[in-house]
Every structure is written in C-alpha cells, then in structure tokens.
Amino acid sequence: MRVAFLWLMLAISVGVFVGMLLALRNYRAHNIVLTPPKTAVEYGWAIVPWLIFALGAAPAVRRLFAAG
C-alpha cells in the first residue's frame, strides 16, 4: 500500500512539473517581447523545485524500499 501511494504521489508530482514546463514553453512561444528572452534561466528556475522535491524525498524512498 505504501509503495502504491508513493508511485501515485510521484506520478502526480511529475504531472504537475511537466505541466508547469509546458505552460512556460507555451507562454514563451505566444508572448512576443522586445527584450531577448532568458529562457534558460526561466527553465532553470522551473526545474529547481523539482530538484528540491527529489532531494528531499530520496531518503524517505530509500527507507520505504528498505522496509519492503
């Protein structure tokens, strides 16, 4: 049951972050600005929360699979 819940939460998290990145890409594709876009910086800041989430969840995932 715990592993199923873990996979469900992982799927939801991945879905949210993929949606966020797609929304960012769609916004940049349809928004014409006069200054050059800094898309690498924007994508970097969009990925930072995912990295924080992954690093924070890693010990719990290891413990969950070790308890098996």
PDB file of N, CA and C in Angstrom:
ATOM      1  N   MET A   1       0.825  -1.199   0.000  1.00  0.00           N
ATOM      2  CA  MET A   1       0.000   0.000   0.000  1.00  0.00           C
ATOM      3  C   MET A   1       0.867   1.259   0.000  1.00  0.00           C
ATOM      4  N   ARG A   2       1.923   1.262   0.797  1.00  0.00           N
ATOM      5  CA  ARG A   2       2.787   2.447   0.847  1.00  0.00           C
ATOM      6  C   ARG A   2       3.482   2.686  -0.482  1.00  0.00           C
ATOM      7  N   VAL A   3       3.921   1.603  -1.113  1.00  0.00           N
ATOM      8  CA  VAL A   3       4.621   1.753  -2.392  1.00  0.00           C
ATOM      9  C   VAL A   3       3.655   2.267  -3.457  1.00  0.00           C
ATOM     10  N   ALA A   4       2.421   1.780  -3.446  1.00  0.00           N
ATOM     11  CA  ALA A   4       1.420   2.264  -4.402  1.00  0.00           C
ATOM     12  C   ALA A   4       1.162   3.754  -4.190  1.00  0.00           C
ATOM     13  N   PHE A   5       1.072   4.167  -2.936  1.00  0.00           N
ATOM     14  CA  PHE A   5       0.879   5.585  -2.630  1.00  0.00           C
ATOM     15  C   PHE A   5       2.082   6.407  -3.093  1.00  0.00           C
ATOM     16  N   LEU A   6       3.281   5.862  -2.894  1.00  0.00           N
ATOM     17  CA  LEU A   6       4.492   6.540  -3.342  1.00  0.00           C
ATOM     18  C   LEU A   6       4.462   6.760  -4.849  1.00  0.00           C
ATOM     19  N   TRP A   7       4.108   5.727  -5.607  1.00  0.00           N
ATOM     20  CA  TRP A   7       4.061   5.856  -7.067  1.00  0.00           C
ATOM     21  C   TRP A   7       2.969   6.836  -7.495  1.00  0.00           C
ATOM     22  N   LEU A   8       1.852   6.832  -6.798  1.00  0.00           N
ATOM     23  CA  LEU A   8       0.785   7.776  -7.112  1.00  0.00           C
ATOM     24  C   LEU A   8       1.255   9.213  -6.897  1.00  0.00           C
ATOM     25  N   MET A   9       1.889   9.480  -5.769  1.00  0.00           N
ATOM     26  CA  MET A   9       2.387  10.830  -5.491  1.00  0.00           C
ATOM     27  C   MET A   9       3.476  11.236  -6.483  1.00  0.00           C
ATOM     28  N   LEU A  10       4.319  10.281  -6.866  1.00  0.00           N
ATOM     29  CA  LEU A  10       5.350  10.569  -7.855  1.00  0.00           C
ATOM     30  C   LEU A  10       4.719  10.916  -9.195  1.00  0.00           C
ATOM     31  N   ALA A  11       3.707  10.172  -9.610  1.00  0.00           N
ATOM     32  CA  ALA A  11       3.038  10.458 -10.879  1.00  0.00           C
ATOM     33  C   ALA A  11       2.370  11.829 -10.855  1.00  0.00           C
ATOM     34  N   ILE A  12       1.736  12.166  -9.758  1.00  0.00           N
ATOM     35  CA  ILE A  12       1.098  13.483  -9.638  1.00  0.00           C
ATOM     36  C   ILE A  12       2.149  14.581  -9.689  1.00  0.00           C
ATOM     37  N   SER A  13       3.253  14.403  -8.989  1.00  0.00           N
ATOM     38  CA  SER A  13       4.317  15.409  -8.973  1.00  0.00           C
ATOM     39  C   SER A  13       4.914  15.606 -10.353  1.00  0.00           C
ATOM     40  N   VAL A  14       5.194  14.512 -11.032  1.00  0.00           N
ATOM     41  CA  VAL A  14       5.751  14.616 -12.388  1.00  0.00           C
ATOM     42  C   VAL A  14       4.753  15.321 -13.303  1.00  0.00           C
ATOM     43  N   GLY A  15       3.486  14.981 -13.184  1.00  0.00           N
ATOM     44  CA  GLY A  15       2.459  15.637 -13.999  1.00  0.00           C
ATOM     45  C   GLY A  15       2.398  17.136 -13.772  1.00  0.00           C
ATOM     46  N   VAL A  16       2.488  17.536 -12.518  1.00  0.00           N
ATOM     47  CA  VAL A  16       2.442  18.968 -12.198  1.00  0.00           C
ATOM     48  C   VAL A  16       3.653  19.695 -12.790  1.00  0.00           C
ATOM     49  N   PHE A  17       4.844  19.124 -12.626  1.00  0.00           N
ATOM     50  CA  PHE A  17       6.033  19.801 -13.124  1.00  0.00           C
ATOM     51  C   PHE A  17       6.106  19.785 -14.642  1.00  0.00           C
ATOM     52  N   VAL A  18       5.659  18.721 -15.279  1.00  0.00           N
ATOM     53  CA  VAL A  18       5.620  18.703 -16.746  1.00  0.00           C
ATOM     54  C   VAL A  18       4.622  19.744 -17.239  1.00  0.00           C
ATOM     55  N   GLY A  19       3.471  19.822 -16.590  1.00  0.00           N
ATOM     56  CA  GLY A  19       2.501  20.851 -16.952  1.00  0.00           C
ATOM     57  C   GLY A  19       3.049  22.252 -16.790  1.00  0.00           C
ATOM     58  N   MET A  20       3.813  22.470 -15.721  1.00  0.00           N
ATOM     59  CA  MET A  20       4.407  23.781 -15.485  1.00  0.00           C
ATOM     60  C   MET A  20       5.401  24.122 -16.598  1.00  0.00           C
ATOM     61  N   LEU A  21       6.247  23.165 -16.970  1.00  0.00           N
ATOM     62  CA  LEU A  21       7.221  23.420 -18.035  1.00  0.00           C
ATOM     63  C   LEU A  21       6.540  23.634 -19.381  1.00  0.00           C
ATOM     64  N   LEU A  22       5.487  22.878 -19.667  1.00  0.00           N
ATOM     65  CA  LEU A  22       4.758  23.076 -20.923  1.00  0.00           C
ATOM     66  C   LEU A  22       4.063  24.429 -20.952  1.00  0.00           C
ATOM     67  N   ALA A  23       3.512  24.846 -19.830  1.00  0.00           N
ATOM     68  CA  ALA A  23       2.878  26.165 -19.767  1.00  0.00           C
ATOM     69  C   ALA A  23       3.903  27.272 -19.985  1.00  0.00           C
ATOM     70  N   LEU A  24       5.086  27.101 -19.420  1.00  0.00           N
ATOM     71  CA  LEU A  24       6.143  28.082 -19.621  1.00  0.00           C
ATOM     72  C   LEU A  24       6.544  28.150 -21.081  1.00  0.00           C
ATOM     73  N   ARG A  25       6.712  26.972 -21.716  1.00  0.00           N
ATOM     74  CA  ARG A  25       7.078  26.949 -23.129  1.00  0.00           C
ATOM     75  C   ARG A  25       5.982  27.575 -23.994  1.00  0.00           C
ATOM     76  N   ASN A  26       4.730  27.255 -23.700  1.00  0.00           N
ATOM     77  CA  ASN A  26       3.612  27.800 -24.458  1.00  0.00           C
ATOM     78  C   ASN A  26       3.529  29.315 -24.285  1.00  0.00           C
ATOM     79  N   TYR A  27       3.737  29.791 -23.084  1.00  0.00           N
ATOM     80  CA  TYR A  27       3.709  31.233 -22.829  1.00  0.00           C
ATOM     81  C   TYR A  27       4.800  31.940 -23.619  1.00  0.00           C
ATOM     82  N   ARG A  28       6.004  31.355 -23.608  1.00  0.00           N
ATOM     83  CA  ARG A  28       7.114  31.988 -24.324  1.00  0.00           C
ATOM     84  C   ARG A  28       6.896  31.958 -25.825  1.00  0.00           C
ATOM     85  N   ALA A  29       6.235  30.920 -26.330  1.00  0.00           N
ATOM     86  CA  ALA A  29       6.002  30.805 -27.768  1.00  0.00           C
ATOM     87  C   ALA A  29       4.978  31.829 -28.256  1.00  0.00           C
ATOM     88  N   HIS A  30       4.054  32.226 -27.401  1.00  0.00           N
ATOM     89  CA  HIS A  30       2.988  33.132 -27.826  1.00  0.00           C
ATOM     90  C   HIS A  30       3.138  34.549 -27.299  1.00  0.00           C
ATOM     91  N   ASN A  31       4.153  34.815 -26.533  1.00  0.00           N
ATOM     92  CA  ASN A  31       4.349  36.146 -25.969  1.00  0.00           C
ATOM     93  C   ASN A  31       5.548  36.796 -26.654  1.00  0.00           C
ATOM     94  N   ILE A  32       5.288  37.774 -27.486  1.00  0.00           N
ATOM     95  CA  ILE A  32       6.354  38.484 -28.187  1.00  0.00           C
ATOM     96  C   ILE A  32       6.807  39.643 -27.297  1.00  0.00           C
ATOM     97  N   VAL A  33       8.083  39.641 -26.946  1.00  0.00           N
ATOM     98  CA  VAL A  33       8.635  40.697 -26.113  1.00  0.00           C
ATOM     99  C   VAL A  33       9.743  41.394 -26.880  1.00  0.00           C
ATOM    100  N   LEU A  34      10.023  42.624 -26.504  1.00  0.00           N
ATOM    101  CA  LEU A  34      11.047  43.401 -27.187  1.00  0.00           C
ATOM    102  C   LEU A  34      12.448  43.065 -26.704  1.00  0.00           C
ATOM    103  N   THR A  35      12.575  42.588 -25.488  1.00  0.00           N
ATOM    104  CA  THR A  35      13.888  42.223 -24.972  1.00  0.00           C
ATOM    105  C   THR A  35      14.143  40.751 -25.254  1.00  0.00           C
ATOM    106  N   PRO A  36      15.379  40.368 -25.436  1.00  0.00           N
ATOM    107  CA  PRO A  36      15.648  38.952 -25.705  1.00  0.00           C
ATOM    108  C   PRO A  36      15.279  38.085 -24.500  1.00  0.00           C
ATOM    109  N   PRO A  37      14.600  36.983 -24.726  1.00  0.00           N
ATOM    110  CA  PRO A  37      14.169  36.146 -23.605  1.00  0.00           C
ATOM    111  C   PRO A  37      15.346  35.388 -22.993  1.00  0.00           C
ATOM    112  N   LYS A  38      15.256  35.195 -21.700  1.00  0.00           N
ATOM    113  CA  LYS A  38      16.261  34.419 -20.979  1.00  0.00           C
ATOM    114  C   LYS A  38      15.626  33.079 -20.619  1.00  0.00           C
ATOM    115  N   THR A  39      15.336  32.281 -21.657  1.00  0.00           N
ATOM    116  CA  THR A  39      14.596  31.049 -21.445  1.00  0.00           C
ATOM    117  C   THR A  39      15.381  30.046 -20.616  1.00  0.00           C
ATOM    118  N   ALA A  40      16.701  30.013 -20.757  1.00  0.00           N
ATOM    119  CA  ALA A  40      17.492  29.067 -19.963  1.00  0.00           C
ATOM    120  C   ALA A  40      17.330  29.357 -18.472  1.00  0.00           C
ATOM    121  N   VAL A  41      17.307  30.615 -18.107  1.00  0.00           N
ATOM    122  CA  VAL A  41      17.124  30.988 -16.701  1.00  0.00           C
ATOM    123  C   VAL A  41      15.713  30.612 -16.238  1.00  0.00           C
ATOM    124  N   GLU A  42      14.718  30.860 -17.079  1.00  0.00           N
ATOM    125  CA  GLU A  42      13.353  30.537 -16.694  1.00  0.00           C
ATOM    126  C   GLU A  42      13.161  29.031 -16.531  1.00  0.00           C
ATOM    127  N   TYR A  43      13.700  28.252 -17.456  1.00  0.00           N
ATOM    128  CA  TYR A  43      13.591  26.799 -17.326  1.00  0.00           C
ATOM    129  C   TYR A  43      14.387  26.304 -16.121  1.00  0.00           C
ATOM    130  N   GLY A  44      15.514  26.917 -15.860  1.00  0.00           N
ATOM    131  CA  GLY A  44      16.295  26.540 -14.681  1.00  0.00           C
ATOM    132  C   GLY A  44      15.506  26.751 -13.403  1.00  0.00           C
ATOM    133  N   TRP A  45      14.861  27.903 -13.284  1.00  0.00           N
ATOM    134  CA  TRP A  45      14.074  28.171 -12.086  1.00  0.00           C
ATOM    135  C   TRP A  45      12.807  27.319 -12.034  1.00  0.00           C
ATOM    136  N   ALA A  46      12.354  26.831 -13.170  1.00  0.00           N
ATOM    137  CA  ALA A  46      11.214  25.920 -13.161  1.00  0.00           C
ATOM    138  C   ALA A  46      11.629  24.525 -12.695  1.00  0.00           C
ATOM    139  N   ILE A  47      12.885  24.163 -12.907  1.00  0.00           N
ATOM    140  CA  ILE A  47      13.383  22.842 -12.532  1.00  0.00           C
ATOM    141  C   ILE A  47      13.849  22.805 -11.075  1.00  0.00           C
ATOM    142  N   VAL A  48      14.208  23.937 -10.511  1.00  0.00           N
ATOM    143  CA  VAL A  48      14.701  23.983  -9.130  1.00  0.00           C
ATOM    144  C   VAL A  48      13.719  23.349  -8.129  1.00  0.00           C
ATOM    145  N   PRO A  49      12.420  23.636  -8.182  1.00  0.00           N
ATOM    146  CA  PRO A  49      11.514  22.980  -7.217  1.00  0.00           C
ATOM    147  C   PRO A  49      11.505  21.458  -7.361  1.00  0.00           C
ATOM    148  N   TRP A  50      11.627  20.957  -8.588  1.00  0.00           N
ATOM    149  CA  TRP A  50      11.680  19.510  -8.795  1.00  0.00           C
ATOM    150  C   TRP A  50      12.929  18.921  -8.140  1.00  0.00           C
ATOM    151  N   LEU A  51      14.050  19.591  -8.258  1.00  0.00           N
ATOM    152  CA  LEU A  51      15.276  19.107  -7.630  1.00  0.00           C
ATOM    153  C   LEU A  51      15.156  19.111  -6.114  1.00  0.00           C
ATOM    154  N   ILE A  52      14.564  20.147  -5.556  1.00  0.00           N
ATOM    155  CA  ILE A  52      14.354  20.211  -4.108  1.00  0.00           C
ATOM    156  C   ILE A  52      13.459  19.059  -3.659  1.00  0.00           C
ATOM    157  N   PHE A  53      12.401  18.817  -4.408  1.00  0.00           N
ATOM    158  CA  PHE A  53      11.487  17.725  -4.097  1.00  0.00           C
ATOM    159  C   PHE A  53      12.206  16.380  -4.160  1.00  0.00           C
ATOM    160  N   ALA A  54      12.977  16.155  -5.212  1.00  0.00           N
ATOM    161  CA  ALA A  54      13.668  14.872  -5.388  1.00  0.00           C
ATOM    162  C   ALA A  54      14.700  14.646  -4.289  1.00  0.00           C
ATOM    163  N   LEU A  55      15.468  15.672  -3.966  1.00  0.00           N
ATOM    164  CA  LEU A  55      16.480  15.525  -2.921  1.00  0.00           C
ATOM    165  C   LEU A  55      15.846  15.331  -1.542  1.00  0.00           C
ATOM    166  N   GLY A  56      14.722  15.958  -1.313  1.00  0.00           N
ATOM    167  CA  GLY A  56      14.044  15.800  -0.031  1.00  0.00           C
ATOM    168  C   GLY A  56      13.354  14.455   0.110  1.00  0.00           C
ATOM    169  N   ALA A  57      12.878  13.900  -0.999  1.00  0.00           N
ATOM    170  CA  ALA A  57      12.154  12.631  -0.946  1.00  0.00           C
ATOM    171  C   ALA A  57      13.080  11.419  -1.006  1.00  0.00           C
ATOM    172  N   ALA A  58      14.305  11.583  -1.459  1.00  0.00           N
ATOM    173  CA  ALA A  58      15.211  10.450  -1.649  1.00  0.00           C
ATOM    174  C   ALA A  58      15.415   9.621  -0.373  1.00  0.00           C
ATOM    175  N   PRO A  59      15.671  10.218   0.789  1.00  0.00           N
ATOM    176  CA  PRO A  59      15.850   9.391   1.994  1.00  0.00           C
ATOM    177  C   PRO A  59      14.586   8.610   2.367  1.00  0.00           C
ATOM    178  N   ALA A  60      13.433   9.222   2.197  1.00  0.00           N
ATOM    179  CA  ALA A  60      12.186   8.528   2.531  1.00  0.00           C
ATOM    180  C   ALA A  60      11.947   7.355   1.582  1.00  0.00           C
ATOM    181  N   VAL A  61      12.267   7.548   0.318  1.00  0.00           N
ATOM    182  CA  VAL A  61      12.086   6.474  -0.657  1.00  0.00           C
ATOM    183  C   VAL A  61      13.032   5.314  -0.344  1.00  0.00           C
ATOM    184  N   ARG A  62      14.289   5.629  -0.031  1.00  0.00           N
ATOM    185  CA  ARG A  62      15.244   4.576   0.333  1.00  0.00           C
ATOM    186  C   ARG A  62      14.758   3.793   1.553  1.00  0.00           C
ATOM    187  N   ARG A  63      14.269   4.502   2.559  1.00  0.00           N
ATOM    188  CA  ARG A  63      13.780   3.848   3.781  1.00  0.00           C
ATOM    189  C   ARG A  63      12.549   2.996   3.482  1.00  0.00           C
ATOM    190  N   LEU A  64      11.669   3.507   2.618  1.00  0.00           N
ATOM    191  CA  LEU A  64      10.469   2.770   2.275  1.00  0.00           C
ATOM    192  C   LEU A  64      10.807   1.463   1.569  1.00  0.00           C
ATOM    193  N   PHE A  65      11.729   1.508   0.620  1.00  0.00           N
ATOM    194  CA  PHE A  65      12.101   0.284  -0.099  1.00  0.00           C
ATOM    195  C   PHE A  65      12.933  -0.652   0.765  1.00  0.00           C
ATOM    196  N   ALA A  66      13.694  -0.121   1.700  1.00  0.00           N
ATOM    197  CA  ALA A  66      14.465  -0.975   2.610  1.00  0.00           C
ATOM    198  C   ALA A  66      13.545  -1.740   3.564  1.00  0.00           C
ATOM    199  N   ALA A  67      12.429  -1.098   3.968  1.00  0.00           N
ATOM    200  CA  ALA A  67      11.481  -1.752   4.860  1.00  0.00           C
ATOM    201  C   ALA A  67      10.679  -2.815   4.123  1.00  0.00           C
ATOM    202  N   GLY A  68      10.589  -2.647   2.794  1.00  0.00           N
ATOM    203  CA  GLY A  68       9.973  -3.528   1.842  1.00  0.00           C
ATOM    204  C   GLY A  68       8.899  -4.365   2.190  1.00  0.00           C
TER     205      GLY A  68
END
